[in-house]
Amino acid sequence: MQTGEIVTFFNKTGKYVGEITACHPDRYLVKTLAVLKHPMQGDLHHPKETDVAFFHERKALAYREQTNIPLKMVKPFDGDVPDYTESLRDAFNKLYSELKSSDTPFNQRSIECLDNILKEYESMYSL
């Protein structure tokens, strides 16, 4: 892959569409263009658990935010790049609905985090 290519990539537990802006031997620098899957909340090392030292609140990468991604986490993207705001709204709502479908302590804690994140998204992206 090379600079300028449109790709999908994973960052933590989120999935995105982006543009490669730089190539390095072990990673790509990728500019975020859309959100395909909103990141999960909580501790990555203890998924679905609430009794952890710090329950992380994870926002999606911002529009045009650049991040370094290992080569193996980047794949070619085929299709039209979704609008960032619409893709963020769709990914957020999908995760929120999945969490609401089952009343567990982890889901309740995740929903609390997402409620806080939504306030920021509303001010930044008019969701």
Protein backbone atom coordinates (compact mmCIF):
# COMPACT_ATOMS: atom_id res chain seq x y z
CA MET A 1 0.00 0.00 0.00
CA GLN A 2 1.10 3.56 -0.51
CA THR A 3 0.42 7.15 0.48
CA GLY A 4 -3.02 8.34 -0.65
CA GLU A 5 -4.70 4.92 -0.57
CA ILE A 6 -8.05 4.62 1.17
CA VAL A 7 -8.03 1.79 3.71
CA THR A 8 -9.82 0.27 6.68
CA PHE A 9 -7.92 0.03 9.91
CA PHE A 10 -8.37 -1.06 13.50
CA ASN A 11 -7.39 1.06 16.49
CA LYS A 12 -7.96 -0.51 19.89
CA THR A 13 -11.48 -1.94 19.44
CA GLY A 14 -12.69 0.53 16.81
CA LYS A 15 -12.72 0.10 13.04
CA TYR A 16 -12.29 3.04 10.68
CA VAL A 17 -11.87 4.16 7.08
CA GLY A 18 -8.88 6.37 6.46
CA GLU A 19 -6.24 7.59 4.07
CA ILE A 20 -2.60 6.58 4.32
CA THR A 21 -0.53 9.75 4.72
CA ALA A 22 2.88 8.17 5.37
CA CYS A 23 4.47 4.74 5.08
CA HIS A 24 7.06 3.41 7.51
CA PRO A 25 8.72 -0.02 7.66
CA ASP A 26 6.48 -1.25 10.51
CA ARG A 27 3.42 1.05 10.36
CA TYR A 28 1.30 3.44 8.37
CA LEU A 29 0.27 6.93 9.41
CA VAL A 30 -3.46 7.02 8.64
CA LYS A 31 -5.88 9.97 8.59
CA THR A 32 -9.34 9.05 9.89
CA LEU A 33 -12.21 9.65 7.46
CA ALA A 34 -15.09 7.53 8.83
CA VAL A 35 -16.06 5.25 11.73
CA LEU A 36 -17.20 1.71 10.94
CA LYS A 37 -17.26 0.35 14.51
CA HIS A 38 -17.24 2.47 17.65
CA PRO A 39 -14.63 1.45 20.26
CA MET A 40 -15.82 -0.60 23.22
CA GLN A 41 -15.63 0.86 26.69
CA GLY A 42 -13.72 -0.60 29.62
CA ASP A 43 -10.35 -2.24 30.09
CA LEU A 44 -8.92 -3.81 26.92
CA HIS A 45 -7.02 -6.38 28.98
CA HIS A 46 -10.14 -7.42 30.90
CA PRO A 47 -12.99 -7.19 28.38
CA LYS A 48 -16.57 -7.28 29.67
CA GLU A 49 -15.39 -6.84 33.27
CA THR A 50 -16.30 -3.94 35.56
CA ASP A 51 -14.13 -4.78 38.58
CA VAL A 52 -10.96 -3.27 37.09
CA ALA A 53 -8.54 -0.58 38.23
CA PHE A 54 -9.72 1.86 35.57
CA PHE A 55 -12.80 1.50 33.36
CA HIS A 56 -11.77 3.38 30.21
CA GLU A 57 -14.06 5.77 28.38
CA ARG A 58 -13.12 5.47 24.71
CA LYS A 59 -14.13 7.95 22.03
CA ALA A 60 -13.85 7.23 18.35
CA LEU A 61 -10.91 8.79 16.54
CA ALA A 62 -11.80 12.32 15.44
CA TYR A 63 -12.34 13.35 11.83
CA ARG A 64 -8.96 13.73 10.10
CA GLU A 65 -7.13 12.61 13.26
CA GLN A 66 -3.92 10.86 12.30
CA THR A 67 -2.64 7.79 14.05
CA ASN A 68 0.11 5.22 13.59
CA ILE A 69 -1.26 1.78 12.76
CA PRO A 70 0.72 -1.48 12.48
CA LEU A 71 0.88 -2.79 8.90
CA LYS A 72 -1.17 -5.92 9.69
CA MET A 73 -4.09 -3.80 10.97
CA VAL A 74 -4.55 -1.97 7.63
CA LYS A 75 -6.52 -3.39 4.68
CA PRO A 76 -7.63 -1.88 1.35
CA PHE A 77 -11.07 -0.24 1.36
CA ASP A 78 -13.42 -0.76 -1.55
CA GLY A 79 -16.37 1.57 -1.94
CA ASP A 80 -17.45 5.10 -1.23
CA VAL A 81 -16.08 6.68 1.94
CA PRO A 82 -19.00 7.35 4.30
CA ASP A 83 -19.56 10.82 5.72
CA TYR A 84 -17.70 11.02 9.03
CA THR A 85 -20.56 12.44 11.12
CA GLU A 86 -23.13 9.98 9.75
CA SER A 87 -20.75 7.04 10.20
CA LEU A 88 -19.98 8.11 13.77
CA ARG A 89 -23.68 8.39 14.57
CA ASP A 90 -24.42 4.97 13.04
CA ALA A 91 -21.50 3.23 14.80
CA PHE A 92 -22.35 4.90 18.13
CA ASN A 93 -26.04 3.99 17.88
CA LYS A 94 -25.24 0.39 16.94
CA LEU A 95 -22.97 -0.07 19.96
CA TYR A 96 -25.47 1.68 22.24
CA SER A 97 -28.30 -0.58 21.04
CA GLU A 98 -26.20 -3.70 21.52
CA LEU A 99 -25.39 -2.67 25.08
CA LYS A 100 -29.05 -1.83 25.84
CA SER A 101 -30.16 -5.29 24.67
CA SER A 102 -28.76 -6.99 27.77
CA ASP A 103 -28.84 -5.62 31.32
CA THR A 104 -25.42 -6.55 32.69
CA PRO A 105 -23.10 -4.56 34.97
CA PHE A 106 -20.61 -4.19 32.11
CA ASN A 107 -23.28 -2.92 29.73
CA GLN A 108 -24.62 -0.47 32.32
CA ARG A 109 -21.14 0.93 32.97
CA SER A 110 -20.44 1.16 29.23
CA ILE A 111 -23.70 3.03 28.65
CA GLU A 112 -22.73 5.54 31.35
CA CYS A 113 -19.46 6.15 29.49
CA LEU A 114 -21.25 6.46 26.16
CA ASP A 115 -23.72 8.95 27.65
CA ASN A 116 -20.76 11.15 28.63
CA ILE A 117 -19.12 10.73 25.23
CA LEU A 118 -22.38 11.60 23.46
CA LYS A 119 -22.35 15.06 25.07
CA GLU A 120 -18.96 15.76 23.52
CA TYR A 121 -19.99 14.34 20.15
CA GLU A 122 -23.10 16.53 20.16
CA SER A 123 -21.03 19.65 20.71
CA MET A 124 -18.38 18.70 18.13
CA TYR A 125 -20.44 17.05 15.40
CA SER A 126 -24.06 18.06 16.08
CA LEU A 127 -25.14 14.44 16.53
